[in-house]
Amino acid sequence: MTKPIIQTTALTRQVDTGEIQLTILQNISLEVNAGEAVAIIGASGSGKSTLLGLLAGLDIPTSGNVYLDNIDIFSLDEDERAALRGNLLGFVFQSFQLLPALTAIENVMLPLELTGAKNARATALKLLERVGLEKRLQHYPKQLSGGEQQRVAIARAFATDPKLLMADEPTGNLDAETGTQIIELMFELNREHGTTLVLVTHDEVISNRCTRRIRLASGKLICNP
């Protein structure tokens, strides 16, 4: 039997504010199978983005474990986790997180160059053409609209052909029409590449397009079908 591509056990994240210990996530145990499109939903402050950060190894839990592709990511040091992310997953942020000193094509080439890929430029060009930015290759982020910047970010996320794509409110800074286009593009690429998608969103329309929804409330898992 194939093991899940994501598995967590009793994942907990607490923050010491100096006066009290704040529990952001409490005993989260879940599984995501390869090829699924899963939405993490819940009200603001429910712990959605914190959970995604832990799943990606961008944050450290107070207790509990995260296994990505059968690897216990918190048994690795920071450099090893970064290498695992480079090989296994892509990440799309609400705020795009493009490097301002790099052009669109250079931003997409960067993760490929970091993994030593020899065809970085050709791959980046193909992806930017796929997201409709073939005429914007040499533009810097400040010269692009919000929707165009997010398209670059999506192309970058798919550049290394990851097994797993995580997205944190990818339409949060976009108008409704552009956001719809971005989500459509993400699901199209997800189908084409067979990538597992884990998406944090407050948008019920977007979450209903996923194969499964995981709901959080006050840091606790209340729905994990």
Protein backbone atom coordinates (compact mmCIF):
# COMPACT_ATOMS: atom_id res chain seq x y z
CA MET A 1 0.00 0.00 0.00
CA THR A 2 1.37 3.44 -0.97
CA LYS A 3 2.01 5.78 1.93
CA PRO A 4 0.54 9.31 1.86
CA ILE A 5 2.70 12.06 0.38
CA ILE A 6 1.90 14.13 3.50
CA GLN A 7 1.33 12.74 6.97
CA THR A 8 1.25 14.58 10.30
CA THR A 9 0.98 13.16 13.80
CA ALA A 10 -0.14 15.24 16.81
CA LEU A 11 1.25 18.42 15.25
CA THR A 12 1.21 21.28 17.77
CA ARG A 13 2.52 24.84 17.55
CA GLN A 14 2.67 27.11 20.57
CA VAL A 15 4.07 30.62 20.96
CA ASP A 16 5.26 32.13 24.23
CA THR A 17 4.11 35.76 24.27
CA GLY A 18 5.89 36.47 27.55
CA GLU A 19 2.64 36.59 29.49
CA ILE A 20 0.85 33.49 28.22
CA GLN A 21 1.58 30.50 26.03
CA LEU A 22 -0.60 30.78 22.94
CA THR A 23 -1.59 27.54 21.21
CA ILE A 24 -1.93 28.17 17.48
CA LEU A 25 -2.32 24.53 16.43
CA GLN A 26 -3.21 21.58 18.63
CA ASN A 27 -2.73 17.88 17.91
CA ILE A 28 -3.25 17.99 14.14
CA SER A 29 -3.08 14.52 12.58
CA LEU A 30 -3.91 14.23 8.89
CA GLU A 31 -2.93 12.54 5.65
CA VAL A 32 -2.87 13.70 2.02
CA ASN A 33 -2.54 11.17 -0.77
CA ALA A 34 -0.57 11.72 -3.95
CA GLY A 35 -2.59 13.44 -6.66
CA GLU A 36 -5.18 14.94 -4.33
CA ALA A 37 -6.25 18.59 -4.38
CA VAL A 38 -6.89 19.51 -0.76
CA ALA A 39 -8.21 22.80 0.62
CA ILE A 40 -7.37 23.92 4.15
CA ILE A 41 -10.23 26.16 5.24
CA GLY A 42 -11.38 28.02 8.34
CA ALA A 43 -11.87 31.49 9.75
CA SER A 44 -9.07 34.02 10.05
CA GLY A 45 -6.83 33.07 12.95
CA SER A 46 -7.77 29.38 12.82
CA GLY A 47 -4.18 28.33 12.08
CA LYS A 48 -4.38 27.65 8.33
CA SER A 49 -1.20 29.46 7.27
CA THR A 50 0.68 28.15 10.31
CA LEU A 51 -0.26 24.60 9.35
CA LEU A 52 0.89 25.14 5.77
CA GLY A 53 4.20 26.58 6.97
CA LEU A 54 4.75 23.52 9.16
CA LEU A 55 3.88 21.15 6.33
CA ALA A 56 6.51 22.87 4.17
CA GLY A 57 9.11 22.88 6.93
CA LEU A 58 9.20 26.68 6.93
CA ASP A 59 8.31 26.72 10.64
CA ILE A 60 9.19 24.35 13.51
CA PRO A 61 6.47 22.64 15.58
CA THR A 62 6.42 22.64 19.35
CA SER A 63 5.69 18.92 19.13
CA GLY A 64 4.55 16.35 16.61
CA ASN A 65 5.86 15.14 13.26
CA VAL A 66 5.50 15.90 9.56
CA TYR A 67 6.38 13.31 6.93
CA LEU A 68 6.76 14.43 3.31
CA ASP A 69 7.12 11.59 0.83
CA ASN A 70 7.88 9.29 3.80
CA ILE A 71 10.65 11.56 5.15
CA ASP A 72 10.46 12.92 8.71
CA ILE A 73 11.29 16.53 7.81
CA PHE A 74 12.04 17.66 11.36
CA SER A 75 14.70 14.98 11.73
CA LEU A 76 16.59 17.04 9.11
CA ASP A 77 18.58 20.20 9.74
CA GLU A 78 17.62 23.50 8.11
CA ASP A 79 19.85 23.00 5.06
CA GLU A 80 18.52 19.47 4.52
CA ARG A 81 14.93 20.70 4.76
CA ALA A 82 15.70 23.41 2.20
CA ALA A 83 17.17 20.78 -0.14
CA LEU A 84 14.08 18.60 0.33
CA ARG A 85 11.80 21.54 -0.53
CA GLY A 86 13.88 22.23 -3.63
CA ASN A 87 13.44 18.67 -4.84
CA LEU A 88 9.89 17.93 -3.70
CA LEU A 89 7.63 20.97 -3.53
CA GLY A 90 6.68 24.32 -4.97
CA PHE A 91 5.14 27.13 -2.94
CA VAL A 92 2.87 30.01 -4.01
CA PHE A 93 2.45 32.89 -1.57
CA GLN A 94 -0.33 35.47 -1.31
CA SER A 95 2.29 38.23 -1.61
CA PHE A 96 3.98 36.63 -4.65
CA GLN A 97 7.52 36.73 -3.10
CA LEU A 98 9.27 37.46 -6.38
CA LEU A 99 12.82 38.80 -6.23
CA PRO A 100 12.58 42.45 -7.34
CA ALA A 101 16.08 42.57 -8.89
CA LEU A 102 15.32 39.64 -11.23
CA THR A 103 13.22 39.67 -14.40
CA ALA A 104 10.25 37.36 -14.82
CA ILE A 105 12.27 34.70 -16.60
CA GLU A 106 15.13 35.00 -14.11
CA ASN A 107 12.71 34.49 -11.20
CA VAL A 108 11.44 31.28 -12.80
CA MET A 109 14.95 30.10 -13.68
CA LEU A 110 16.23 30.55 -10.12
CA PRO A 111 14.91 27.32 -8.53
CA LEU A 112 16.11 25.37 -11.56
CA GLU A 113 19.58 26.85 -11.31
CA LEU A 114 19.68 26.08 -7.58
CA THR A 115 19.08 22.40 -8.37
CA GLY A 116 21.73 22.42 -11.10
CA ALA A 117 19.33 21.99 -14.03
CA LYS A 118 21.07 22.52 -17.38
CA ASN A 119 17.93 23.54 -19.28
CA ALA A 120 16.81 26.26 -16.87
CA ARG A 121 16.13 28.97 -19.44
CA ALA A 122 14.26 26.69 -21.86
CA THR A 123 12.09 25.30 -19.06
CA ALA A 124 11.36 28.77 -17.67
CA LEU A 125 10.45 30.05 -21.14
CA LYS A 126 8.06 27.15 -21.71
CA LEU A 127 6.31 27.75 -18.38
CA LEU A 128 5.99 31.50 -18.88
CA GLU A 129 4.51 30.85 -22.32
CA ARG A 130 2.09 28.41 -20.67
CA VAL A 131 0.90 31.10 -18.24
CA GLY A 132 0.56 33.68 -21.01
CA LEU A 133 3.61 35.84 -20.23
CA GLU A 134 5.80 35.15 -23.24
CA LYS A 135 5.85 38.90 -23.98
CA ARG A 136 6.83 39.86 -20.42
CA LEU A 137 9.98 37.77 -19.98
CA GLN A 138 12.34 40.69 -19.38
CA HIS A 139 10.01 42.71 -17.19
CA TYR A 140 10.80 43.18 -13.50
CA PRO A 141 8.12 42.50 -10.85
CA LYS A 142 7.43 46.23 -10.35
CA GLN A 143 6.57 46.44 -14.07
CA LEU A 144 3.97 43.67 -13.80
CA SER A 145 0.39 43.74 -12.51
CA GLY A 146 -0.58 41.71 -9.46
CA GLY A 147 -2.09 39.00 -11.64
CA GLU A 148 1.02 38.86 -13.82
CA GLN A 149 3.26 38.63 -10.76
CA GLN A 150 1.19 35.72 -9.45
CA ARG A 151 1.47 34.01 -12.85
CA VAL A 152 5.24 34.30 -12.61
CA ALA A 153 5.07 32.87 -9.08
CA ILE A 154 3.01 29.92 -10.30
CA ALA A 155 5.41 29.28 -13.19
CA ARG A 156 8.28 29.37 -10.67
CA ALA A 157 6.46 26.95 -8.37
CA PHE A 158 6.02 24.43 -11.20
CA ALA A 159 9.54 24.95 -12.60
CA THR A 160 11.11 21.94 -10.89
CA ASP A 161 8.06 19.76 -11.66
CA PRO A 162 7.38 19.20 -7.95
CA LYS A 163 5.40 16.29 -6.57
CA LEU A 164 3.67 18.69 -4.21
CA LEU A 165 2.45 22.27 -4.60
CA MET A 166 1.42 24.38 -1.60
CA ALA A 167 -0.38 27.69 -1.98
CA ASP A 168 -1.25 30.17 0.78
CA GLU A 169 -4.23 32.36 -0.19
CA PRO A 170 -2.87 32.70 -3.76
CA THR A 171 -5.70 35.03 -4.82
CA GLY A 172 -5.83 37.11 -1.63
CA ASN A 173 -4.21 40.20 -3.19
CA LEU A 174 -6.03 39.97 -6.53
CA ASP A 175 -9.38 41.24 -7.78
CA ALA A 176 -12.14 38.67 -8.27
CA GLU A 177 -11.76 38.26 -12.03
CA THR A 178 -7.97 37.92 -11.91
CA GLY A 179 -8.23 35.57 -8.93
CA THR A 180 -10.57 33.30 -10.87
CA GLN A 181 -8.11 33.19 -13.76
CA ILE A 182 -5.21 32.36 -11.42
CA ILE A 183 -7.11 29.51 -9.74
CA GLU A 184 -8.16 28.11 -13.12
CA LEU A 185 -4.53 28.19 -14.23
CA MET A 186 -3.34 26.49 -11.04
CA PHE A 187 -5.85 23.65 -11.38
CA GLU A 188 -5.01 23.23 -15.08
CA LEU A 189 -1.30 22.91 -14.31
CA ASN A 190 -2.12 20.64 -11.39
CA ARG A 191 -3.97 18.25 -13.72
CA GLU A 192 -1.32 18.43 -16.41
CA HIS A 193 1.57 17.69 -14.05
CA GLY A 194 -0.25 15.29 -11.70
CA THR A 195 0.95 17.40 -8.79
CA THR A 196 -0.57 17.07 -5.33
CA LEU A 197 -2.13 20.42 -4.39
CA VAL A 198 -2.59 21.75 -0.85
CA LEU A 199 -4.32 25.11 -0.88
CA VAL A 200 -5.09 27.46 2.02
CA THR A 201 -8.11 29.57 1.17
CA HIS A 202 -11.06 31.42 2.70
CA ASP A 203 -12.96 31.20 -0.59
CA GLU A 204 -15.66 28.51 -0.52
CA VAL A 205 -15.93 28.49 -4.33
CA ILE A 206 -12.23 27.67 -4.64
CA SER A 207 -12.31 25.07 -1.87
CA ASN A 208 -15.31 23.34 -3.47
CA ARG A 209 -13.17 22.67 -6.54
CA CYS A 210 -10.77 20.58 -4.46
CA THR A 211 -11.25 16.86 -3.97
CA ARG A 212 -11.23 17.26 -0.19
CA ARG A 213 -11.54 20.00 2.43
CA ILE A 214 -9.77 20.10 5.79
CA ARG A 215 -11.37 22.56 8.20
CA LEU A 216 -9.67 24.18 11.17
CA ALA A 217 -11.25 26.11 14.03
CA SER A 218 -9.22 27.73 16.83
CA GLY A 219 -6.20 25.64 15.93
CA LYS A 220 -8.03 22.33 16.01
CA LEU A 221 -8.98 19.97 13.22
CA ILE A 222 -12.76 19.76 13.07
CA CYS A 223 -13.27 18.23 9.63
CA ASN A 224 -10.90 15.83 7.89
CA PRO A 225 -12.98 13.54 5.62
